[in-house]
Amino acid sequence: MKSMKMKKLRSLLLDANVVIKLFELGVWDCVVENCEILLSRTVAETEVEFYEKDELQERIDLSRYVNQNLITIVDVKMSDVINFRNLFDPTYFIGLTLVKLNHLFICWGLRKTVYSLPGILLFTGCSDAYTVAIKESL
């Protein structure tokens, strides 16, 4: 009988805390193998640095995954993120960092602009306000 390979899960945009936790749990490679992973450039290059292993910090190097096209780095123009933010009441995004706004734009913008990609699932460990903002913006 022929073995069937499972299809990759749809696009998963991961926040830094999720990437770090996947490394801590030792399941990063398994997730990469079974899912289409998207990371914003900011998360990939500045926020994901280390994870804890046996009370020591282990460096996270995503370059191999990027170089082998195992994960995708999503670049967006800052002007697009700011224009996106300006579509909403300014109080709506109070407390969200630029990275979080970037993620919201990617989720929204990848469906509605030149960044067009099919449905993206965002995984984060952030506050309820961020979750509400994501639901409202999509």
C-alpha atoms as a PDB file:
ATOM      1  CA  MET A   1       0.000   0.000   0.000  1.00  0.00           C
ATOM      2  CA  LYS A   2       1.277   3.449  -0.946  1.00  0.00           C
ATOM      3  CA  SER A   3       2.088   5.797   1.934  1.00  0.00           C
ATOM      4  CA  MET A   4       0.292   9.140   1.716  1.00  0.00           C
ATOM      5  CA  LYS A   5       2.023  12.275   2.940  1.00  0.00           C
ATOM      6  CA  MET A   6      -0.185  14.602   4.930  1.00  0.00           C
ATOM      7  CA  LYS A   7      -0.717  18.039   3.384  1.00  0.00           C
ATOM      8  CA  LYS A   8       0.843  20.973   5.153  1.00  0.00           C
ATOM      9  CA  LEU A   9      -1.473  23.024   7.304  1.00  0.00           C
ATOM     10  CA  ARG A  10      -2.411  26.418   5.971  1.00  0.00           C
ATOM     11  CA  SER A  11      -0.317  29.506   6.574  1.00  0.00           C
ATOM     12  CA  LEU A  12       0.539  30.070  10.218  1.00  0.00           C
ATOM     13  CA  LEU A  13       1.821  33.502  11.188  1.00  0.00           C
ATOM     14  CA  LEU A  14       3.694  33.049  14.434  1.00  0.00           C
ATOM     15  CA  ASP A  15       4.517  35.614  17.053  1.00  0.00           C
ATOM     16  CA  ALA A  16       7.934  35.487  18.732  1.00  0.00           C
ATOM     17  CA  ASN A  17       6.623  33.958  21.953  1.00  0.00           C
ATOM     18  CA  VAL A  18       5.140  31.041  20.017  1.00  0.00           C
ATOM     19  CA  VAL A  19       8.364  30.383  18.092  1.00  0.00           C
ATOM     20  CA  ILE A  20      10.362  30.457  21.313  1.00  0.00           C
ATOM     21  CA  LYS A  21       7.937  28.075  23.044  1.00  0.00           C
ATOM     22  CA  LEU A  22       8.057  25.635  20.108  1.00  0.00           C
ATOM     23  CA  PHE A  23      11.854  25.560  20.421  1.00  0.00           C
ATOM     24  CA  GLU A  24      11.604  25.080  24.208  1.00  0.00           C
ATOM     25  CA  LEU A  25       9.245  22.143  23.707  1.00  0.00           C
ATOM     26  CA  GLY A  26      11.533  20.646  21.053  1.00  0.00           C
ATOM     27  CA  VAL A  27       8.804  20.554  18.407  1.00  0.00           C
ATOM     28  CA  TRP A  28       9.874  23.413  16.105  1.00  0.00           C
ATOM     29  CA  ASP A  29      11.138  21.108  13.329  1.00  0.00           C
ATOM     30  CA  CYS A  30       7.971  19.022  13.440  1.00  0.00           C
ATOM     31  CA  VAL A  31       5.800  22.141  13.122  1.00  0.00           C
ATOM     32  CA  VAL A  32       7.924  23.457  10.250  1.00  0.00           C
ATOM     33  CA  GLU A  33       7.655  20.100   8.492  1.00  0.00           C
ATOM     34  CA  ASN A  34       3.858  20.016   8.786  1.00  0.00           C
ATOM     35  CA  CYS A  35       2.868  23.665   8.497  1.00  0.00           C
ATOM     36  CA  GLU A  36       3.472  26.596   6.204  1.00  0.00           C
ATOM     37  CA  ILE A  37       5.152  29.046   8.606  1.00  0.00           C
ATOM     38  CA  LEU A  38       5.185  32.800   8.096  1.00  0.00           C
ATOM     39  CA  LEU A  39       7.194  35.171  10.274  1.00  0.00           C
ATOM     40  CA  SER A  40       7.369  38.921  10.064  1.00  0.00           C
ATOM     41  CA  ARG A  41      10.913  40.128   9.462  1.00  0.00           C
ATOM     42  CA  THR A  42      10.913  41.856  12.862  1.00  0.00           C
ATOM     43  CA  VAL A  43      10.024  38.635  14.667  1.00  0.00           C
ATOM     44  CA  ALA A  44      12.542  36.569  12.719  1.00  0.00           C
ATOM     45  CA  GLU A  45      15.454  38.970  12.930  1.00  0.00           C
ATOM     46  CA  THR A  46      15.087  40.800  16.245  1.00  0.00           C
ATOM     47  CA  GLU A  47      12.554  39.191  18.569  1.00  0.00           C
ATOM     48  CA  VAL A  48      13.406  35.488  18.335  1.00  0.00           C
ATOM     49  CA  GLU A  49      16.852  35.156  19.869  1.00  0.00           C
ATOM     50  CA  PHE A  50      17.004  32.554  22.658  1.00  0.00           C
ATOM     51  CA  TYR A  51      15.013  29.838  24.403  1.00  0.00           C
ATOM     52  CA  GLU A  52      15.516  28.205  27.765  1.00  0.00           C
ATOM     53  CA  LYS A  53      16.860  24.650  27.871  1.00  0.00           C
ATOM     54  CA  ASP A  54      18.052  23.043  31.083  1.00  0.00           C
ATOM     55  CA  GLU A  55      18.250  26.484  32.714  1.00  0.00           C
ATOM     56  CA  LEU A  56      20.574  27.723  29.969  1.00  0.00           C
ATOM     57  CA  GLN A  57      19.848  30.051  27.080  1.00  0.00           C
ATOM     58  CA  GLU A  58      20.116  28.392  23.675  1.00  0.00           C
ATOM     59  CA  ARG A  59      20.438  30.653  20.642  1.00  0.00           C
ATOM     60  CA  ILE A  60      17.732  30.363  17.992  1.00  0.00           C
ATOM     61  CA  ASP A  61      19.088  30.565  14.452  1.00  0.00           C
ATOM     62  CA  LEU A  62      16.344  30.694  11.856  1.00  0.00           C
ATOM     63  CA  SER A  63      18.689  31.307   8.905  1.00  0.00           C
ATOM     64  CA  ARG A  64      18.794  27.625   7.897  1.00  0.00           C
ATOM     65  CA  TYR A  65      14.995  27.518   7.727  1.00  0.00           C
ATOM     66  CA  VAL A  66      14.859  30.725   5.699  1.00  0.00           C
ATOM     67  CA  ASN A  67      17.723  29.709   3.358  1.00  0.00           C
ATOM     68  CA  GLN A  68      16.091  26.333   2.658  1.00  0.00           C
ATOM     69  CA  ASN A  69      12.673  27.969   2.116  1.00  0.00           C
ATOM     70  CA  LEU A  70      11.222  26.025   5.036  1.00  0.00           C
ATOM     71  CA  ILE A  71       9.721  29.194   6.517  1.00  0.00           C
ATOM     72  CA  THR A  72       8.689  32.426   4.827  1.00  0.00           C
ATOM     73  CA  ILE A  73       9.674  35.878   5.993  1.00  0.00           C
ATOM     74  CA  VAL A  74       6.963  38.437   5.279  1.00  0.00           C
ATOM     75  CA  ASP A  75       8.098  41.976   4.596  1.00  0.00           C
ATOM     76  CA  VAL A  76       5.612  44.812   4.641  1.00  0.00           C
ATOM     77  CA  LYS A  77       6.090  48.520   4.109  1.00  0.00           C
ATOM     78  CA  MET A  78       5.820  50.577   7.263  1.00  0.00           C
ATOM     79  CA  SER A  79       3.672  53.073   5.355  1.00  0.00           C
ATOM     80  CA  ASP A  80       1.153  50.276   4.686  1.00  0.00           C
ATOM     81  CA  VAL A  81       1.054  49.391   8.390  1.00  0.00           C
ATOM     82  CA  ILE A  82       0.489  53.031   9.332  1.00  0.00           C
ATOM     83  CA  ASN A  83      -2.237  53.424   6.692  1.00  0.00           C
ATOM     84  CA  PHE A  84      -3.884  50.284   8.074  1.00  0.00           C
ATOM     85  CA  ARG A  85      -3.739  51.666  11.623  1.00  0.00           C
ATOM     86  CA  ASN A  86      -5.318  54.913  10.411  1.00  0.00           C
ATOM     87  CA  LEU A  87      -8.413  53.010   9.226  1.00  0.00           C
ATOM     88  CA  PHE A  88      -9.443  52.548  12.874  1.00  0.00           C
ATOM     89  CA  ASP A  89     -10.197  54.682  15.902  1.00  0.00           C
ATOM     90  CA  PRO A  90      -6.777  55.566  17.422  1.00  0.00           C
ATOM     91  CA  THR A  91      -7.834  54.223  20.829  1.00  0.00           C
ATOM     92  CA  TYR A  92      -8.369  50.801  19.315  1.00  0.00           C
ATOM     93  CA  PHE A  93      -4.673  50.008  19.174  1.00  0.00           C
ATOM     94  CA  ILE A  94      -3.557  51.531  22.476  1.00  0.00           C
ATOM     95  CA  GLY A  95      -0.910  49.322  24.030  1.00  0.00           C
ATOM     96  CA  LEU A  96      -0.088  47.393  20.864  1.00  0.00           C
ATOM     97  CA  THR A  97       3.520  47.498  19.755  1.00  0.00           C
ATOM     98  CA  LEU A  98       4.533  48.166  16.184  1.00  0.00           C
ATOM     99  CA  VAL A  99       5.208  44.429  15.782  1.00  0.00           C
ATOM    100  CA  LYS A 100       1.625  43.642  16.815  1.00  0.00           C
ATOM    101  CA  LEU A 101       0.282  46.223  14.371  1.00  0.00           C
ATOM    102  CA  ASN A 102       2.513  44.648  11.747  1.00  0.00           C
ATOM    103  CA  HIS A 103       0.917  41.238  12.425  1.00  0.00           C
ATOM    104  CA  LEU A 104      -2.590  42.660  12.249  1.00  0.00           C
ATOM    105  CA  PHE A 105      -1.728  44.287   8.941  1.00  0.00           C
ATOM    106  CA  ILE A 106      -0.274  41.052   7.603  1.00  0.00           C
ATOM    107  CA  CYS A 107      -3.459  39.162   8.512  1.00  0.00           C
ATOM    108  CA  TRP A 108      -5.627  41.849   6.972  1.00  0.00           C
ATOM    109  CA  GLY A 109      -3.309  43.066   4.246  1.00  0.00           C
ATOM    110  CA  LEU A 110      -2.329  39.694   2.857  1.00  0.00           C
ATOM    111  CA  ARG A 111      -5.986  39.169   1.986  1.00  0.00           C
ATOM    112  CA  LYS A 112      -6.821  42.624   0.679  1.00  0.00           C
ATOM    113  CA  THR A 113      -3.743  44.131  -0.991  1.00  0.00           C
ATOM    114  CA  VAL A 114      -0.753  43.314  -3.146  1.00  0.00           C
ATOM    115  CA  TYR A 115       0.400  41.014  -0.334  1.00  0.00           C
ATOM    116  CA  SER A 116      -2.443  38.684  -1.288  1.00  0.00           C
ATOM    117  CA  LEU A 117      -2.292  35.193   0.213  1.00  0.00           C
ATOM    118  CA  PRO A 118      -5.124  32.851   1.201  1.00  0.00           C
ATOM    119  CA  GLY A 119      -6.293  32.628   4.811  1.00  0.00           C
ATOM    120  CA  ILE A 120      -3.709  33.020   7.510  1.00  0.00           C
ATOM    121  CA  LEU A 121      -3.970  31.870  11.093  1.00  0.00           C
ATOM    122  CA  LEU A 122      -2.188  34.022  13.669  1.00  0.00           C
ATOM    123  CA  PHE A 123      -0.745  32.338  16.751  1.00  0.00           C
ATOM    124  CA  THR A 124       0.274  34.517  19.663  1.00  0.00           C
ATOM    125  CA  GLY A 125       0.274  34.502  23.435  1.00  0.00           C
ATOM    126  CA  CYS A 126      -0.692  38.170  23.698  1.00  0.00           C
ATOM    127  CA  SER A 127      -3.468  39.916  25.533  1.00  0.00           C
ATOM    128  CA  ASP A 128      -7.214  39.702  25.004  1.00  0.00           C
ATOM    129  CA  ALA A 129      -7.156  43.156  23.436  1.00  0.00           C
ATOM    130  CA  TYR A 130      -4.879  41.843  20.710  1.00  0.00           C
ATOM    131  CA  THR A 131      -7.175  38.876  20.105  1.00  0.00           C
ATOM    132  CA  VAL A 132     -10.196  41.185  19.871  1.00  0.00           C
ATOM    133  CA  ALA A 133      -8.332  43.499  17.524  1.00  0.00           C
ATOM    134  CA  ILE A 134      -7.470  40.579  15.245  1.00  0.00           C
ATOM    135  CA  LYS A 135     -11.057  39.325  15.121  1.00  0.00           C
ATOM    136  CA  GLU A 136     -12.392  42.801  14.384  1.00  0.00           C
ATOM    137  CA  SER A 137      -9.869  43.583  11.676  1.00  0.00           C
ATOM    138  CA  LEU A 138     -10.397  40.440   9.588  1.00  0.00           C
END
